[in-house]
Amino acid sequence: MSDIRPRLLLIEDDPELGPLMAQVLDEVYSVALVRDGSEAIRTALEREFEVIIVDRRIPTIDGIGVIETLRQKRVSTPMLILTALGTVQDKVRGLDAGANDYLVKPFEFDELFARLRAIRRVLTGEGPFVRVGLWEIYPDSRTVYSPYDGRIILTDRENDLLRLLAEHPHTTYSREQILREIFETSEQSGTVDTYVHYLRRKTDPRMITTVRGRGYRLGQP
C-alpha cells in the first residue's frame, strides 16, 4: 500500500538528533532526512513536501540561506526553523527569511508536533483540530488524520457525531441524547449504533467507547 502520510523534509546535520527526530516524526509523517543546505535545496525543489523543518546551523548553506533560496524559488511549503539561538534578533531573522515559525532547542516533541500542525493549517485551511492520541480530528472540514493511513473524509453525520464526542471527551452520551443533537427526531436509536460502527470502521475500533447501560463517549485509540 502506498504511503499517504504527509511528506516532511527534515534538514538536520546532528548525527544523533537527526535520526532521532526522523524516528519520532515517522509516527505521523513520511520523513526525508537531509544533512546539509545544498542537498536540502535540491531535494525541496525536486520533490513536494507538506512541511519542512530547517535547522539553523547546517553545512554548506545555513538554514536562513536555505529558507531564503526556497522562497525566492516560489516554494510556498510551510517551514519551521530550529535554532539554538533564542534571542529575539535570531527569531526575527528566521521569520523575515520566510519561516512560518521557529522552535528553540532543546524542545519537547509534543510542542514540535503542535507547531507543525499549526503551520500546516495555514496551507490546508482545515481549521482547528482536536487531538485524540495520535489522531487529529478537523471538524470544520470533515477530516480525520490517521497516524497510519493519512487523510480520512467523513460524511456530514459521521462528522457531527465525532465532533460531539471529541469536543466533550469526558461526557457519556445516551443514544437518545445523540439522536436529539445530531439526527432527525424520527430516527430510531439503532441509527446511532450504525454510525458508531461506521466511524469505528473508518478510523479505529477504539475511537468510540461503549459505556454499558449508558451510551457512548470518546475513546483512546
N, C-alpha and C. Protein backbone atom coordinates (compact mmCIF):
# COMPACT_ATOMS: atom_id res chain seq x y z
N MET A 1 0.84 -1.19 0.00
CA MET A 1 0.00 0.00 0.00
C MET A 1 0.88 1.24 0.00
N SER A 2 0.53 2.24 -0.78
CA SER A 2 1.34 3.44 -0.88
C SER A 2 1.25 4.24 0.42
N ASP A 3 2.32 4.97 0.70
CA ASP A 3 2.39 5.77 1.92
C ASP A 3 1.70 7.10 1.66
N ILE A 4 0.58 7.34 2.34
CA ILE A 4 -0.16 8.59 2.12
C ILE A 4 -0.04 9.53 3.32
N ARG A 5 0.93 9.28 4.19
CA ARG A 5 1.19 10.23 5.26
C ARG A 5 1.70 11.55 4.67
N PRO A 6 1.47 12.67 5.36
CA PRO A 6 2.03 13.93 4.90
C PRO A 6 3.55 13.83 4.79
N ARG A 7 4.11 14.40 3.73
CA ARG A 7 5.55 14.32 3.50
C ARG A 7 6.27 15.48 4.20
N LEU A 8 7.32 15.14 4.93
CA LEU A 8 8.07 16.14 5.70
C LEU A 8 9.54 16.06 5.34
N LEU A 9 10.14 17.21 5.04
CA LEU A 9 11.58 17.29 4.80
C LEU A 9 12.25 17.79 6.06
N LEU A 10 13.13 16.98 6.62
CA LEU A 10 13.86 17.32 7.84
C LEU A 10 15.30 17.63 7.47
N ILE A 11 15.74 18.85 7.78
CA ILE A 11 17.10 19.30 7.46
C ILE A 11 17.84 19.47 8.77
N GLU A 12 18.64 18.48 9.12
CA GLU A 12 19.32 18.45 10.42
C GLU A 12 20.59 17.63 10.29
N ASP A 13 21.74 18.23 10.65
CA ASP A 13 23.01 17.55 10.45
C ASP A 13 23.52 16.85 11.70
N ASP A 14 22.89 17.05 12.85
CA ASP A 14 23.35 16.39 14.07
C ASP A 14 23.20 14.88 13.91
N PRO A 15 24.29 14.11 14.06
CA PRO A 15 24.25 12.67 13.79
C PRO A 15 23.38 11.89 14.77
N GLU A 16 23.08 12.47 15.93
CA GLU A 16 22.20 11.79 16.89
C GLU A 16 20.79 12.36 16.83
N LEU A 17 20.67 13.68 16.84
CA LEU A 17 19.35 14.30 16.87
C LEU A 17 18.57 14.07 15.58
N GLY A 18 19.26 14.15 14.42
CA GLY A 18 18.57 13.98 13.15
C GLY A 18 17.83 12.65 13.04
N PRO A 19 18.52 11.51 13.20
CA PRO A 19 17.84 10.22 13.13
C PRO A 19 16.77 10.06 14.21
N LEU A 20 17.02 10.61 15.41
CA LEU A 20 16.01 10.52 16.47
C LEU A 20 14.75 11.27 16.08
N MET A 21 14.90 12.49 15.57
CA MET A 21 13.74 13.26 15.13
C MET A 21 13.00 12.54 14.02
N ALA A 22 13.76 12.00 13.07
CA ALA A 22 13.12 11.28 11.96
C ALA A 22 12.30 10.11 12.47
N GLN A 23 12.83 9.39 13.45
CA GLN A 23 12.13 8.24 14.00
C GLN A 23 10.84 8.66 14.69
N VAL A 24 10.88 9.72 15.49
CA VAL A 24 9.69 10.17 16.20
C VAL A 24 8.66 10.77 15.24
N LEU A 25 9.12 11.59 14.32
CA LEU A 25 8.20 12.22 13.35
C LEU A 25 7.55 11.19 12.44
N ASP A 26 8.23 10.05 12.25
CA ASP A 26 7.72 9.00 11.38
C ASP A 26 6.40 8.42 11.89
N GLU A 27 6.04 8.70 13.14
CA GLU A 27 4.75 8.26 13.66
C GLU A 27 3.60 8.90 12.90
N VAL A 28 3.83 10.09 12.37
CA VAL A 28 2.77 10.85 11.69
C VAL A 28 3.12 11.18 10.25
N TYR A 29 4.40 11.44 9.98
CA TYR A 29 4.84 11.94 8.68
C TYR A 29 5.72 10.92 7.95
N SER A 30 5.75 11.07 6.63
CA SER A 30 6.74 10.35 5.82
C SER A 30 7.95 11.27 5.72
N VAL A 31 9.03 10.90 6.39
CA VAL A 31 10.15 11.81 6.61
C VAL A 31 11.30 11.54 5.64
N ALA A 32 11.80 12.63 5.05
CA ALA A 32 13.05 12.59 4.29
C ALA A 32 14.07 13.41 5.07
N LEU A 33 15.18 12.78 5.46
CA LEU A 33 16.21 13.45 6.25
C LEU A 33 17.40 13.81 5.37
N VAL A 34 17.77 15.08 5.36
CA VAL A 34 18.99 15.53 4.66
C VAL A 34 19.85 16.29 5.66
N ARG A 35 21.16 16.41 5.35
CA ARG A 35 22.09 16.89 6.36
C ARG A 35 22.85 18.16 6.00
N ASP A 36 22.63 18.71 4.83
CA ASP A 36 23.29 19.98 4.53
C ASP A 36 22.41 20.84 3.64
N GLY A 37 22.75 22.13 3.58
CA GLY A 37 21.89 23.08 2.90
C GLY A 37 21.75 22.87 1.41
N SER A 38 22.85 22.52 0.74
CA SER A 38 22.78 22.32 -0.71
C SER A 38 21.88 21.15 -1.06
N GLU A 39 22.03 20.04 -0.34
CA GLU A 39 21.18 18.88 -0.58
C GLU A 39 19.73 19.21 -0.26
N ALA A 40 19.51 20.02 0.79
CA ALA A 40 18.15 20.39 1.18
C ALA A 40 17.45 21.16 0.08
N ILE A 41 18.14 22.13 -0.49
CA ILE A 41 17.53 22.93 -1.57
C ILE A 41 17.21 22.06 -2.77
N ARG A 42 18.16 21.22 -3.13
CA ARG A 42 17.94 20.32 -4.28
C ARG A 42 16.73 19.40 -4.03
N THR A 43 16.65 18.82 -2.85
CA THR A 43 15.56 17.90 -2.53
C THR A 43 14.21 18.62 -2.51
N ALA A 44 14.18 19.81 -1.92
CA ALA A 44 12.92 20.57 -1.83
C ALA A 44 12.42 21.02 -3.19
N LEU A 45 13.34 21.23 -4.14
CA LEU A 45 12.94 21.65 -5.47
C LEU A 45 12.54 20.47 -6.36
N GLU A 46 13.06 19.30 -6.05
CA GLU A 46 12.77 18.12 -6.87
C GLU A 46 11.53 17.37 -6.42
N ARG A 47 11.17 17.49 -5.14
CA ARG A 47 10.05 16.74 -4.58
C ARG A 47 9.10 17.68 -3.86
N GLU A 48 7.85 17.22 -3.69
CA GLU A 48 6.85 18.03 -2.99
C GLU A 48 6.74 17.56 -1.53
N PHE A 49 6.66 18.54 -0.63
CA PHE A 49 6.51 18.26 0.80
C PHE A 49 5.37 19.10 1.36
N GLU A 50 4.74 18.56 2.41
CA GLU A 50 3.69 19.31 3.09
C GLU A 50 4.25 20.26 4.14
N VAL A 51 5.45 19.96 4.64
CA VAL A 51 6.07 20.81 5.66
C VAL A 51 7.57 20.54 5.68
N ILE A 52 8.34 21.57 6.06
CA ILE A 52 9.80 21.47 6.10
C ILE A 52 10.30 21.97 7.45
N ILE A 53 11.21 21.20 8.07
CA ILE A 53 11.90 21.61 9.29
C ILE A 53 13.34 21.91 8.92
N VAL A 54 13.81 23.11 9.29
CA VAL A 54 15.15 23.55 8.90
C VAL A 54 15.96 23.89 10.15
N ASP A 55 17.07 23.19 10.36
CA ASP A 55 17.97 23.56 11.44
C ASP A 55 18.71 24.84 11.04
N ARG A 56 18.94 25.71 12.01
CA ARG A 56 19.58 27.00 11.74
C ARG A 56 21.03 26.83 11.30
N ARG A 57 21.75 25.90 11.93
CA ARG A 57 23.17 25.75 11.65
C ARG A 57 23.42 24.41 10.97
N ILE A 58 23.57 24.44 9.66
CA ILE A 58 23.86 23.25 8.86
C ILE A 58 24.98 23.58 7.87
N PRO A 59 25.68 22.56 7.38
CA PRO A 59 26.82 22.80 6.47
C PRO A 59 26.39 23.33 5.10
N THR A 60 27.34 23.84 4.39
CA THR A 60 27.30 24.37 3.01
C THR A 60 26.47 25.64 2.89
N ILE A 61 25.19 25.56 3.21
CA ILE A 61 24.33 26.75 3.24
C ILE A 61 23.53 26.68 4.53
N ASP A 62 23.56 27.74 5.34
CA ASP A 62 22.88 27.64 6.62
C ASP A 62 21.36 27.70 6.45
N GLY A 63 20.64 27.46 7.54
CA GLY A 63 19.19 27.37 7.47
C GLY A 63 18.53 28.62 6.92
N ILE A 64 19.02 29.78 7.30
CA ILE A 64 18.47 31.03 6.79
C ILE A 64 18.62 31.09 5.27
N GLY A 65 19.81 30.72 4.79
CA GLY A 65 20.03 30.71 3.33
C GLY A 65 19.13 29.73 2.62
N VAL A 66 18.90 28.57 3.21
CA VAL A 66 18.01 27.58 2.61
C VAL A 66 16.60 28.15 2.47
N ILE A 67 16.09 28.75 3.54
CA ILE A 67 14.73 29.30 3.51
C ILE A 67 14.63 30.42 2.48
N GLU A 68 15.59 31.33 2.51
CA GLU A 68 15.56 32.45 1.55
C GLU A 68 15.59 31.94 0.11
N THR A 69 16.44 30.97 -0.16
CA THR A 69 16.55 30.43 -1.52
C THR A 69 15.25 29.79 -1.96
N LEU A 70 14.66 28.97 -1.09
CA LEU A 70 13.41 28.29 -1.45
C LEU A 70 12.27 29.28 -1.65
N ARG A 71 12.21 30.30 -0.82
CA ARG A 71 11.16 31.32 -1.02
C ARG A 71 11.37 32.08 -2.33
N GLN A 72 12.63 32.36 -2.66
CA GLN A 72 12.92 33.02 -3.93
C GLN A 72 12.52 32.14 -5.12
N LYS A 73 12.59 30.83 -4.93
CA LYS A 73 12.19 29.87 -5.97
C LYS A 73 10.68 29.60 -5.94
N ARG A 74 9.96 30.38 -5.14
CA ARG A 74 8.50 30.30 -5.03
C ARG A 74 8.01 28.99 -4.42
N VAL A 75 8.81 28.42 -3.53
CA VAL A 75 8.36 27.26 -2.75
C VAL A 75 7.55 27.80 -1.57
N SER A 76 6.26 27.47 -1.54
CA SER A 76 5.36 28.02 -0.52
C SER A 76 5.13 27.07 0.65
N THR A 77 5.81 25.93 0.66
CA THR A 77 5.64 24.94 1.72
C THR A 77 5.88 25.56 3.09
N PRO A 78 5.01 25.31 4.09
CA PRO A 78 5.26 25.83 5.44
C PRO A 78 6.60 25.34 5.98
N MET A 79 7.35 26.23 6.61
CA MET A 79 8.67 25.89 7.13
C MET A 79 8.79 26.31 8.59
N LEU A 80 9.39 25.43 9.38
CA LEU A 80 9.69 25.71 10.78
C LEU A 80 11.20 25.66 10.94
N ILE A 81 11.76 26.69 11.55
CA ILE A 81 13.20 26.73 11.73
C ILE A 81 13.56 26.36 13.17
N LEU A 82 14.54 25.47 13.32
CA LEU A 82 15.07 25.10 14.63
C LEU A 82 16.32 25.92 14.90
N THR A 83 16.41 26.46 16.10
CA THR A 83 17.57 27.27 16.42
C THR A 83 17.99 27.05 17.86
N ALA A 84 19.28 27.05 18.08
CA ALA A 84 19.80 27.02 19.45
C ALA A 84 19.98 28.44 19.98
N LEU A 85 19.73 29.41 19.12
CA LEU A 85 19.88 30.81 19.47
C LEU A 85 18.51 31.38 19.79
N GLY A 86 18.29 31.69 21.06
CA GLY A 86 16.96 32.11 21.47
C GLY A 86 16.76 33.61 21.56
N THR A 87 17.65 34.39 20.99
CA THR A 87 17.50 35.84 21.07
C THR A 87 16.38 36.30 20.14
N VAL A 88 15.81 37.44 20.48
CA VAL A 88 14.75 37.99 19.64
C VAL A 88 15.26 38.25 18.23
N GLN A 89 16.48 38.76 18.12
CA GLN A 89 17.03 39.08 16.80
C GLN A 89 17.14 37.83 15.93
N ASP A 90 17.55 36.72 16.54
CA ASP A 90 17.69 35.49 15.77
C ASP A 90 16.33 34.98 15.30
N LYS A 91 15.34 35.06 16.17
CA LYS A 91 13.99 34.63 15.79
C LYS A 91 13.45 35.49 14.66
N VAL A 92 13.64 36.80 14.80
CA VAL A 92 13.16 37.72 13.76
C VAL A 92 13.86 37.44 12.44
N ARG A 93 15.15 37.15 12.49
CA ARG A 93 15.91 36.86 11.27
C ARG A 93 15.30 35.65 10.55
N GLY A 94 14.96 34.61 11.30
CA GLY A 94 14.37 33.43 10.69
C GLY A 94 13.01 33.70 10.09
N LEU A 95 12.18 34.44 10.80
CA LEU A 95 10.84 34.75 10.29
C LEU A 95 10.92 35.68 9.08
N ASP A 96 11.83 36.65 9.12
CA ASP A 96 11.99 37.55 7.98
C ASP A 96 12.49 36.81 6.74
N ALA A 97 13.25 35.75 6.94
CA ALA A 97 13.75 34.97 5.80
C ALA A 97 12.63 34.19 5.11
N GLY A 98 11.52 33.98 5.83
CA GLY A 98 10.40 33.27 5.22
C GLY A 98 9.89 32.09 6.00
N ALA A 99 10.48 31.84 7.20
CA ALA A 99 9.98 30.75 8.03
C ALA A 99 8.60 31.11 8.57
N ASN A 100 7.76 30.09 8.75
CA ASN A 100 6.43 30.33 9.31
C ASN A 100 6.44 30.31 10.83
N ASP A 101 7.43 29.65 11.40
CA ASP A 101 7.53 29.57 12.86
C ASP A 101 8.94 29.15 13.22
N TYR A 102 9.28 29.22 14.50
CA TYR A 102 10.59 28.81 14.96
C TYR A 102 10.41 28.03 16.26
N LEU A 103 11.39 27.22 16.58
CA LEU A 103 11.40 26.46 17.82
C LEU A 103 12.84 26.44 18.33
N VAL A 104 13.01 26.78 19.59
CA VAL A 104 14.35 26.87 20.19
C VAL A 104 14.73 25.52 20.79
N LYS A 105 15.95 25.08 20.49
CA LYS A 105 16.49 23.86 21.10
C LYS A 105 16.97 24.15 22.52
N PRO A 106 16.83 23.19 23.43
CA PRO A 106 16.16 21.89 23.28
C PRO A 106 14.65 22.07 23.32
N PHE A 107 13.91 21.13 22.77
CA PHE A 107 12.46 21.25 22.67
C PHE A 107 11.81 19.92 23.04
N GLU A 108 10.52 19.98 23.31
CA GLU A 108 9.72 18.78 23.54
C GLU A 108 9.05 18.38 22.24
N PHE A 109 8.98 17.09 21.96
CA PHE A 109 8.38 16.65 20.70
C PHE A 109 6.89 16.98 20.63
N ASP A 110 6.21 17.00 21.76
CA ASP A 110 4.79 17.38 21.73
C ASP A 110 4.62 18.79 21.19
N GLU A 111 5.51 19.68 21.60
CA GLU A 111 5.43 21.05 21.10
C GLU A 111 5.79 21.10 19.62
N LEU A 112 6.78 20.34 19.21
CA LEU A 112 7.14 20.30 17.79
C LEU A 112 5.96 19.84 16.94
N PHE A 113 5.29 18.77 17.34
CA PHE A 113 4.13 18.29 16.60
C PHE A 113 3.04 19.36 16.55
N ALA A 114 2.81 20.04 17.67
CA ALA A 114 1.77 21.06 17.71
C ALA A 114 2.09 22.21 16.76
N ARG A 115 3.35 22.64 16.74
CA ARG A 115 3.73 23.74 15.86
C ARG A 115 3.66 23.34 14.39
N LEU A 116 4.00 22.09 14.09
CA LEU A 116 3.88 21.62 12.70
C LEU A 116 2.42 21.60 12.26
N ARG A 117 1.54 21.15 13.15
CA ARG A 117 0.11 21.15 12.79
C ARG A 117 -0.37 22.57 12.54
N ALA A 118 0.08 23.49 13.38
CA ALA A 118 -0.37 24.87 13.25
C ALA A 118 0.06 25.49 11.93
N ILE A 119 1.33 25.31 11.54
CA ILE A 119 1.78 25.94 10.29
C ILE A 119 1.20 25.22 9.08
N ARG A 120 0.89 23.93 9.20
CA ARG A 120 0.26 23.23 8.07
C ARG A 120 -1.16 23.70 7.85
N ARG A 121 -1.83 24.11 8.91
CA ARG A 121 -3.21 24.59 8.74
C ARG A 121 -3.24 25.87 7.92
N VAL A 122 -2.15 26.63 7.94
CA VAL A 122 -2.07 27.82 7.10
C VAL A 122 -2.24 27.43 5.63
N LEU A 123 -1.67 26.26 5.27
CA LEU A 123 -1.72 25.80 3.88
C LEU A 123 -3.02 25.06 3.58
N THR A 124 -3.45 24.19 4.48
CA THR A 124 -4.61 23.35 4.19
C THR A 124 -5.93 24.07 4.44
N GLY A 125 -5.94 25.06 5.35
CA GLY A 125 -7.18 25.76 5.65
C GLY A 125 -8.22 24.87 6.29
N GLU A 126 -7.80 23.83 7.00
CA GLU A 126 -8.76 22.87 7.54
C GLU A 126 -9.29 23.26 8.91
N GLY A 127 -8.80 24.34 9.49
CA GLY A 127 -9.37 24.84 10.71
C GLY A 127 -8.83 24.17 11.96
N PRO A 128 -9.42 24.49 13.12
CA PRO A 128 -8.95 23.95 14.38
C PRO A 128 -9.16 22.44 14.46
N PHE A 129 -8.39 21.79 15.30
CA PHE A 129 -8.48 20.34 15.39
C PHE A 129 -8.54 19.90 16.84
N VAL A 130 -8.96 18.67 17.02
CA VAL A 130 -8.95 18.01 18.32
C VAL A 130 -8.01 16.81 18.19
N ARG A 131 -7.05 16.70 19.10
CA ARG A 131 -6.10 15.59 19.06
C ARG A 131 -6.59 14.47 19.96
N VAL A 132 -6.66 13.27 19.40
CA VAL A 132 -7.07 12.09 20.15
C VAL A 132 -5.98 11.05 19.96
N GLY A 133 -5.11 10.87 20.97
CA GLY A 133 -3.95 10.02 20.78
C GLY A 133 -3.09 10.60 19.67
N LEU A 134 -2.77 9.79 18.67
CA LEU A 134 -2.03 10.26 17.51
C LEU A 134 -2.93 10.70 16.37
N TRP A 135 -4.23 10.66 16.60
CA TRP A 135 -5.20 11.06 15.59
C TRP A 135 -5.51 12.55 15.71
N GLU A 136 -5.82 13.18 14.57
CA GLU A 136 -6.21 14.59 14.57
C GLU A 136 -7.56 14.72 13.87
N ILE A 137 -8.52 15.35 14.55
CA ILE A 137 -9.88 15.49 14.04
C ILE A 137 -10.11 16.96 13.71
N TYR A 138 -10.45 17.24 12.45
CA TYR A 138 -10.71 18.60 11.98
C TYR A 138 -12.20 18.71 11.63
N PRO A 139 -13.05 19.04 12.60
CA PRO A 139 -14.50 19.04 12.35
C PRO A 139 -14.94 20.00 11.25
N ASP A 140 -14.28 21.17 11.13
CA ASP A 140 -14.72 22.16 10.15
C ASP A 140 -14.60 21.67 8.71
N SER A 141 -13.70 20.73 8.47
CA SER A 141 -13.51 20.23 7.10
C SER A 141 -13.87 18.75 6.96
N ARG A 142 -14.53 18.19 7.98
CA ARG A 142 -14.97 16.78 7.95
C ARG A 142 -13.79 15.84 7.70
N THR A 143 -12.65 16.15 8.32
CA THR A 143 -11.42 15.42 8.04
C THR A 143 -10.83 14.84 9.32
N VAL A 144 -10.33 13.62 9.22
CA VAL A 144 -9.57 12.99 10.29
C VAL A 144 -8.23 12.57 9.71
N TYR A 145 -7.15 12.86 10.43
CA TYR A 145 -5.83 12.40 10.01
C TYR A 145 -5.42 11.22 10.87
N SER A 146 -5.22 10.08 10.20
CA SER A 146 -4.78 8.87 10.86
C SER A 146 -3.26 8.82 10.90
N PRO A 147 -2.68 8.34 12.00
CA PRO A 147 -1.22 8.18 12.04
C PRO A 147 -0.74 7.05 11.15
N TYR A 148 -1.67 6.26 10.62
CA TYR A 148 -1.31 5.10 9.80
C TYR A 148 -1.69 5.27 8.33
N ASP A 149 -2.87 5.84 8.08
CA ASP A 149 -3.41 5.87 6.72
C ASP A 149 -3.60 7.27 6.16
N GLY A 150 -3.19 8.30 6.90
CA GLY A 150 -3.31 9.65 6.37
C GLY A 150 -4.70 10.24 6.49
N ARG A 151 -5.13 10.92 5.45
CA ARG A 151 -6.36 11.73 5.48
C ARG A 151 -7.60 10.87 5.25
N ILE A 152 -8.61 11.06 6.11
CA ILE A 152 -9.87 10.34 6.00
C ILE A 152 -10.99 11.38 5.97
N ILE A 153 -11.88 11.26 4.99
CA ILE A 153 -13.01 12.18 4.87
C ILE A 153 -14.26 11.52 5.45
N LEU A 154 -14.98 12.26 6.29
CA LEU A 154 -16.19 11.77 6.91
C LEU A 154 -17.43 12.33 6.22
N THR A 155 -18.53 11.61 6.34
CA THR A 155 -19.82 12.16 5.90
C THR A 155 -20.27 13.20 6.92
N ASP A 156 -21.30 13.97 6.57
CA ASP A 156 -21.79 15.00 7.48
C ASP A 156 -22.20 14.42 8.83
N ARG A 157 -22.95 13.31 8.80
CA ARG A 157 -23.43 12.73 10.06
C ARG A 157 -22.29 12.09 10.86
N GLU A 158 -21.39 11.42 10.18
CA GLU A 158 -20.23 10.87 10.88
C GLU A 158 -19.45 11.98 11.56
N ASN A 159 -19.27 13.08 10.83
CA ASN A 159 -18.51 14.21 11.35
C ASN A 159 -19.22 14.84 12.54
N ASP A 160 -20.54 15.01 12.44
CA ASP A 160 -21.29 15.61 13.54
C ASP A 160 -21.20 14.76 14.80
N LEU A 161 -21.27 13.45 14.64
CA LEU A 161 -21.19 12.55 15.79
C LEU A 161 -19.80 12.59 16.42
N LEU A 162 -18.77 12.53 15.59
CA LEU A 162 -17.41 12.55 16.14
C LEU A 162 -17.09 13.91 16.74
N ARG A 163 -17.59 14.98 16.13
CA ARG A 163 -17.38 16.32 16.69
C ARG A 163 -17.99 16.42 18.10
N LEU A 164 -19.22 15.92 18.24
CA LEU A 164 -19.90 15.96 19.53
C LEU A 164 -19.07 15.26 20.61
N LEU A 165 -18.60 14.06 20.30
CA LEU A 165 -17.83 13.30 21.29
C LEU A 165 -16.46 13.91 21.54
N ALA A 166 -15.80 14.39 20.47
CA ALA A 166 -14.45 14.93 20.60
C ALA A 166 -14.43 16.25 21.35
N GLU A 167 -15.45 17.06 21.18
CA GLU A 167 -15.48 18.35 21.86
C GLU A 167 -15.89 18.23 23.32
N HIS A 168 -16.42 17.06 23.70
CA HIS A 168 -16.79 16.81 25.10
C HIS A 168 -16.25 15.43 25.49
N PRO A 169 -14.93 15.27 25.54
CA PRO A 169 -14.32 13.94 25.66
C PRO A 169 -14.61 13.21 26.97
N HIS A 170 -15.06 13.94 27.99
CA HIS A 170 -15.31 13.31 29.29
C HIS A 170 -16.80 13.04 29.52
N THR A 171 -17.61 13.29 28.51
CA THR A 171 -19.06 13.13 28.64
C THR A 171 -19.51 11.85 27.96
N THR A 172 -20.36 11.10 28.63
CA THR A 172 -21.00 9.93 28.03
C THR A 172 -22.40 10.34 27.57
N TYR A 173 -22.69 10.09 26.30
CA TYR A 173 -23.98 10.46 25.71
C TYR A 173 -24.83 9.21 25.51
N SER A 174 -26.08 9.30 25.94
CA SER A 174 -27.01 8.21 25.65
C SER A 174 -27.41 8.28 24.18
N ARG A 175 -27.97 7.20 23.68
CA ARG A 175 -28.43 7.19 22.30
C ARG A 175 -29.48 8.26 22.07
N GLU A 176 -30.35 8.46 23.05
CA GLU A 176 -31.41 9.46 22.92
C GLU A 176 -30.82 10.87 22.84
N GLN A 177 -29.78 11.15 23.64
CA GLN A 177 -29.14 12.46 23.57
C GLN A 177 -28.48 12.68 22.21
N ILE A 178 -27.83 11.66 21.69
CA ILE A 178 -27.17 11.79 20.39
C ILE A 178 -28.21 12.00 19.29
N LEU A 179 -29.34 11.29 19.39
CA LEU A 179 -30.41 11.49 18.41
C LEU A 179 -30.88 12.93 18.41
N ARG A 180 -31.08 13.49 19.60
CA ARG A 180 -31.58 14.87 19.69
C ARG A 180 -30.55 15.86 19.14
N GLU A 181 -29.26 15.58 19.38
CA GLU A 181 -28.21 16.52 18.97
C GLU A 181 -27.92 16.48 17.48
N ILE A 182 -28.02 15.31 16.88
CA ILE A 182 -27.47 15.11 15.54
C ILE A 182 -28.49 14.66 14.50
N PHE A 183 -29.37 13.76 14.87
CA PHE A 183 -30.23 13.12 13.88
C PHE A 183 -31.64 13.68 13.90
N GLU A 184 -32.44 13.27 12.91
CA GLU A 184 -33.84 13.65 12.85
C GLU A 184 -34.60 12.98 13.98
N THR A 185 -35.60 13.66 14.48
CA THR A 185 -36.36 13.11 15.61
C THR A 185 -37.07 11.82 15.25
N SER A 186 -37.28 11.58 13.96
CA SER A 186 -37.97 10.37 13.53
C SER A 186 -37.05 9.15 13.49
N GLU A 187 -35.75 9.36 13.63
CA GLU A 187 -34.80 8.25 13.56
C GLU A 187 -34.91 7.37 14.81
N GLN A 188 -34.55 6.09 14.63
CA GLN A 188 -34.54 5.15 15.74
C GLN A 188 -33.16 5.15 16.40
N SER A 189 -33.10 4.68 17.66
CA SER A 189 -31.83 4.68 18.39
C SER A 189 -30.79 3.80 17.71
N GLY A 190 -31.25 2.81 16.93
CA GLY A 190 -30.31 1.96 16.21
C GLY A 190 -29.49 2.72 15.18
N THR A 191 -29.99 3.88 14.75
CA THR A 191 -29.23 4.71 13.82
C THR A 191 -27.91 5.15 14.44
N VAL A 192 -27.95 5.46 15.72
CA VAL A 192 -26.73 5.86 16.41
C VAL A 192 -25.71 4.73 16.38
N ASP A 193 -26.17 3.51 16.68
CA ASP A 193 -25.27 2.36 16.67
C ASP A 193 -24.65 2.18 15.29
N THR A 194 -25.45 2.41 14.25
CA THR A 194 -24.96 2.25 12.88
C THR A 194 -23.83 3.22 12.59
N TYR A 195 -23.99 4.49 13.00
CA TYR A 195 -22.97 5.48 12.70
C TYR A 195 -21.74 5.32 13.59
N VAL A 196 -21.93 4.82 14.79
CA VAL A 196 -20.77 4.47 15.62
C VAL A 196 -19.97 3.38 14.92
N HIS A 197 -20.67 2.40 14.35
CA HIS A 197 -19.99 1.32 13.61
C HIS A 197 -19.23 1.89 12.41
N TYR A 198 -19.86 2.81 11.67
CA TYR A 198 -19.21 3.42 10.51
C TYR A 198 -17.90 4.11 10.94
N LEU A 199 -17.98 4.88 12.02
CA LEU A 199 -16.80 5.63 12.47
C LEU A 199 -15.69 4.70 12.95
N ARG A 200 -16.06 3.67 13.68
CA ARG A 200 -15.04 2.72 14.13
C ARG A 200 -14.37 2.03 12.96
N ARG A 201 -15.14 1.74 11.93
CA ARG A 201 -14.59 1.07 10.76
C ARG A 201 -13.68 2.02 9.97
N LYS A 202 -14.05 3.29 9.89
CA LYS A 202 -13.25 4.25 9.12
C LYS A 202 -11.99 4.69 9.86
N THR A 203 -12.06 4.72 11.18
CA THR A 203 -10.93 5.25 11.96
C THR A 203 -10.24 4.14 12.74
N ASP A 204 -10.69 3.91 13.95
CA ASP A 204 -10.10 2.91 14.83
C ASP A 204 -11.22 2.36 15.71
N PRO A 205 -11.28 1.05 15.93
CA PRO A 205 -12.34 0.49 16.77
C PRO A 205 -12.39 1.10 18.17
N ARG A 206 -11.25 1.65 18.62
CA ARG A 206 -11.19 2.24 19.96
C ARG A 206 -11.52 3.73 19.97
N MET A 207 -11.84 4.30 18.80
CA MET A 207 -12.12 5.73 18.73
C MET A 207 -13.34 6.10 19.58
N ILE A 208 -14.34 5.23 19.62
CA ILE A 208 -15.54 5.47 20.41
C ILE A 208 -15.71 4.31 21.38
N THR A 209 -15.91 4.65 22.65
CA THR A 209 -16.05 3.64 23.70
C THR A 209 -17.53 3.45 24.04
N THR A 210 -17.95 2.21 24.16
CA THR A 210 -19.29 1.89 24.63
C THR A 210 -19.29 1.84 26.16
N VAL A 211 -20.12 2.65 26.78
CA VAL A 211 -20.27 2.63 28.23
C VAL A 211 -21.55 1.84 28.52
N ARG A 212 -21.39 0.65 29.01
CA ARG A 212 -22.52 -0.27 29.16
C ARG A 212 -23.66 0.35 29.96
N GLY A 213 -24.84 0.30 29.37
CA GLY A 213 -26.03 0.79 30.03
C GLY A 213 -26.20 2.30 29.98
N ARG A 214 -25.22 3.02 29.40
CA ARG A 214 -25.29 4.49 29.39
C ARG A 214 -25.20 5.09 28.00
N GLY A 215 -24.34 4.55 27.14
CA GLY A 215 -24.22 5.10 25.80
C GLY A 215 -22.81 5.09 25.28
N TYR A 216 -22.37 6.23 24.71
CA TYR A 216 -21.07 6.30 24.06
C TYR A 216 -20.30 7.52 24.52
N ARG A 217 -18.96 7.40 24.49
CA ARG A 217 -18.08 8.52 24.74
C ARG A 217 -16.83 8.36 23.87
N LEU A 218 -16.03 9.43 23.81
CA LEU A 218 -14.79 9.37 23.06
C LEU A 218 -13.85 8.35 23.68
N GLY A 219 -13.19 7.56 22.83
CA GLY A 219 -12.27 6.55 23.33
C GLY A 219 -10.84 7.01 23.33
N GLN A 220 -9.92 6.06 23.39
CA GLN A 220 -8.49 6.34 23.43
C GLN A 220 -7.76 5.44 22.45
N PRO A 221 -7.83 5.78 21.16
CA PRO A 221 -7.16 4.92 20.15
C PRO A 221 -5.65 4.97 20.29
